[in-house]
C-alpha atoms as a PDB file:
ATOM      1  CA  MET A   1       9.094   5.375  -8.664  1.00  0.00           C
ATOM      2  CA  ALA A   2       7.362   5.589 -11.849  1.00  0.00           C
ATOM      3  CA  GLN A   3      10.528   4.596 -13.703  1.00  0.00           C
ATOM      4  CA  ARG A   4      10.651   1.369 -11.638  1.00  0.00           C
ATOM      5  CA  ALA A   5       7.088   0.388 -12.482  1.00  0.00           C
ATOM      6  CA  LYS A   6       7.096  -2.742 -14.722  1.00  0.00           C
ATOM      7  CA  ASN A   7       5.103  -2.500 -18.001  1.00  0.00           C
ATOM      8  CA  SER A   8       3.681  -5.849 -17.463  1.00  0.00           C
ATOM      9  CA  LYS A   9       2.411  -5.115 -13.944  1.00  0.00           C
ATOM     10  CA  ALA A  10      -1.397  -5.281 -13.691  1.00  0.00           C
ATOM     11  CA  SER A  11      -3.239  -2.071 -12.870  1.00  0.00           C
ATOM     12  CA  LEU A  12      -6.785  -0.879 -12.824  1.00  0.00           C
ATOM     13  CA  GLY A  13      -7.902   2.176 -14.754  1.00  0.00           C
ATOM     14  CA  ALA A  14      -6.805   3.882 -17.908  1.00  0.00           C
ATOM     15  CA  LEU A  15      -3.307   4.955 -16.696  1.00  0.00           C
ATOM     16  CA  LYS A  16      -0.855   2.187 -17.429  1.00  0.00           C
ATOM     17  CA  PRO A  17       2.850   2.022 -16.431  1.00  0.00           C
ATOM     18  CA  GLU A  18       4.081   2.161 -20.070  1.00  0.00           C
ATOM     19  CA  MET A  19       1.946   5.377 -20.654  1.00  0.00           C
ATOM     20  CA  LEU A  20       3.254   6.973 -17.609  1.00  0.00           C
ATOM     21  CA  LYS A  21       6.887   6.180 -18.389  1.00  0.00           C
ATOM     22  CA  GLY A  22       6.424   7.709 -21.929  1.00  0.00           C
ATOM     23  CA  ALA A  23       5.068  10.925 -20.518  1.00  0.00           C
ATOM     24  CA  ILE A  24       7.058  11.076 -17.231  1.00  0.00           C
ATOM     25  CA  LYS A  25       8.708  14.454 -18.114  1.00  0.00           C
ATOM     26  CA  GLN A  26       5.279  16.070 -18.733  1.00  0.00           C
ATOM     27  CA  LEU A  27       3.290  14.279 -15.963  1.00  0.00           C
ATOM     28  CA  GLY A  28       6.012  13.672 -13.337  1.00  0.00           C
ATOM     29  CA  PRO A  29       5.945  17.110 -11.633  1.00  0.00           C
ATOM     30  CA  SER A  30       2.158  17.127 -11.508  1.00  0.00           C
ATOM     31  CA  LEU A  31       2.028  13.581 -10.207  1.00  0.00           C
ATOM     32  CA  VAL A  32       4.563  14.390  -7.423  1.00  0.00           C
ATOM     33  CA  ALA A  33       2.612  17.438  -6.437  1.00  0.00           C
ATOM     34  CA  LEU A  34      -0.612  15.349  -6.282  1.00  0.00           C
ATOM     35  CA  LEU A  35       0.994  12.566  -4.164  1.00  0.00           C
ATOM     36  CA  ASN A  36       2.534  15.157  -1.740  1.00  0.00           C
ATOM     37  CA  ALA A  37      -0.843  16.807  -1.417  1.00  0.00           C
ATOM     38  CA  CYS A  38      -2.374  13.450  -0.494  1.00  0.00           C
ATOM     39  CA  VAL A  39       0.302  13.103   2.236  1.00  0.00           C
ATOM     40  CA  ARG A  40      -0.401  16.617   3.520  1.00  0.00           C
ATOM     41  CA  ILE A  41      -4.209  16.253   3.749  1.00  0.00           C
ATOM     42  CA  GLY A  42      -3.952  12.551   4.836  1.00  0.00           C
ATOM     43  CA  ALA A  43      -6.293  11.247   2.221  1.00  0.00           C
ATOM     44  CA  LEU A  44      -6.490   9.787  -1.216  1.00  0.00           C
ATOM     45  CA  PRO A  45      -9.119  10.301  -4.015  1.00  0.00           C
ATOM     46  CA  ALA A  46     -11.858   7.733  -3.452  1.00  0.00           C
ATOM     47  CA  GLN A  47     -11.392   6.420  -7.067  1.00  0.00           C
ATOM     48  CA  TRP A  48      -7.893   5.187  -6.030  1.00  0.00           C
ATOM     49  CA  ALA A  49      -9.317   2.908  -3.473  1.00  0.00           C
ATOM     50  CA  ILE A  50     -11.148   0.739  -6.051  1.00  0.00           C
ATOM     51  CA  SER A  51      -9.578  -2.623  -6.639  1.00  0.00           C
ATOM     52  CA  ALA A  52     -10.493  -5.643  -8.845  1.00  0.00           C
ATOM     53  CA  LEU A  53     -10.508  -8.824  -6.738  1.00  0.00           C
ATOM     54  CA  THR A  54      -9.691 -12.010  -8.582  1.00  0.00           C
ATOM     55  CA  PRO A  55     -10.081 -15.336  -6.765  1.00  0.00           C
ATOM     56  CA  ILE A  56      -7.051 -17.705  -7.282  1.00  0.00           C
ATOM     57  CA  ARG A  57      -7.483 -21.350  -6.369  1.00  0.00           C
ATOM     58  CA  LYS A  58      -5.064 -22.579  -3.730  1.00  0.00           C
ATOM     59  CA  PRO A  59      -2.886 -25.603  -4.781  1.00  0.00           C
ATOM     60  CA  GLY A  60      -4.673 -28.850  -3.934  1.00  0.00           C
ATOM     61  CA  ALA A  61      -7.702 -27.077  -2.447  1.00  0.00           C
ATOM     62  CA  ASP A  62     -11.338 -28.008  -3.043  1.00  0.00           C
ATOM     63  CA  HIS A  63     -12.621 -25.683  -5.741  1.00  0.00           C
ATOM     64  CA  LEU A  64     -16.172 -26.064  -4.473  1.00  0.00           C
ATOM     65  CA  ARG A  65     -15.253 -24.387  -1.181  1.00  0.00           C
ATOM     66  CA  CYS A  66     -14.711 -20.583  -0.581  1.00  0.00           C
ATOM     67  CA  ASP A  67     -11.759 -21.240   1.655  1.00  0.00           C
ATOM     68  CA  GLY A  68     -10.073 -23.027  -1.272  1.00  0.00           C
ATOM     69  CA  TYR A  69      -9.257 -19.671  -2.824  1.00  0.00           C
ATOM     70  CA  ARG A  70      -7.236 -16.583  -2.094  1.00  0.00           C
ATOM     71  CA  GLY A  71      -7.951 -13.082  -3.439  1.00  0.00           C
ATOM     72  CA  ILE A  72      -5.623 -10.979  -5.536  1.00  0.00           C
ATOM     73  CA  ALA A  73      -6.422  -7.330  -5.652  1.00  0.00           C
ATOM     74  CA  VAL A  74      -5.377  -5.180  -8.531  1.00  0.00           C
ATOM     75  CA  GLY A  75      -5.450  -1.436  -7.838  1.00  0.00           C
ATOM     76  CA  THR A  76      -4.882   1.781  -9.749  1.00  0.00           C
ATOM     77  CA  LEU A  77      -1.390   2.901 -10.748  1.00  0.00           C
ATOM     78  CA  PRO A  78      -1.635   6.256  -8.780  1.00  0.00           C
ATOM     79  CA  ALA A  79      -2.442   4.161  -5.594  1.00  0.00           C
ATOM     80  CA  LYS A  80       0.460   1.880  -6.257  1.00  0.00           C
ATOM     81  CA  LEU A  81       2.823   4.796  -6.722  1.00  0.00           C
ATOM     82  CA  PHE A  82       1.548   6.344  -3.520  1.00  0.00           C
ATOM     83  CA  ALA A  83       2.183   3.150  -1.613  1.00  0.00           C
ATOM     84  CA  SER A  84       5.625   2.933  -3.066  1.00  0.00           C
ATOM     85  CA  MET A  85       6.317   6.481  -2.116  1.00  0.00           C
ATOM     86  CA  LEU A  86       5.130   5.847   1.493  1.00  0.00           C
ATOM     87  CA  GLN A  87       7.216   2.708   1.735  1.00  0.00           C
ATOM     88  CA  SER A  88      10.303   4.539   0.604  1.00  0.00           C
ATOM     89  CA  ARG A  89       9.702   7.356   3.090  1.00  0.00           C
ATOM     90  CA  PHE A  90       9.051   5.007   5.958  1.00  0.00           C
ATOM     91  CA  THR A  91      12.119   2.871   5.116  1.00  0.00           C
ATOM     92  CA  THR A  92      14.361   5.960   4.981  1.00  0.00           C
ATOM     93  CA  HIS A  93      13.026   7.237   8.257  1.00  0.00           C
ATOM     94  CA  THR A  94      13.037   4.073  10.138  1.00  0.00           C
ATOM     95  CA  GLU A  95      16.578   3.047   8.967  1.00  0.00           C
ATOM     96  CA  ALA A  96      17.989   6.513   9.855  1.00  0.00           C
ATOM     97  CA  ALA A  97      16.376   6.256  13.377  1.00  0.00           C
ATOM     98  CA  GLY A  98      17.674   2.700  13.773  1.00  0.00           C
ATOM     99  CA  ILE A  99      14.172   1.340  14.485  1.00  0.00           C
ATOM    100  CA  ARG A 100      13.482  -0.708  11.301  1.00  0.00           C
ATOM    101  CA  ALA A 101      13.268  -4.473  12.085  1.00  0.00           C
ATOM    102  CA  SER A 102      15.459  -6.632   9.974  1.00  0.00           C
ATOM    103  CA  GLY A 103      13.823  -8.414   7.142  1.00  0.00           C
END
């Protein structure tokens, strides 16, 4: 999963995709153990839940109204990796069980 992370992708915090890619052999086993521990205990570190919310104006919307914007949340790289891992596991499980909706 870390290898698929794009260097240009925004992430919050000090750990950036290019840094992780450069040290994947050293950090990979520890990161996998940490993510698997999060699955076992059913919780993530609170710091991973922090996101930076940026308002983006909707095309043609009134910039003076709040509903003229949508929010884009940028989270931490470990949280993104965790979400990617869960998505992969759910997809594998649901496809094997024949219960995944198409699309």
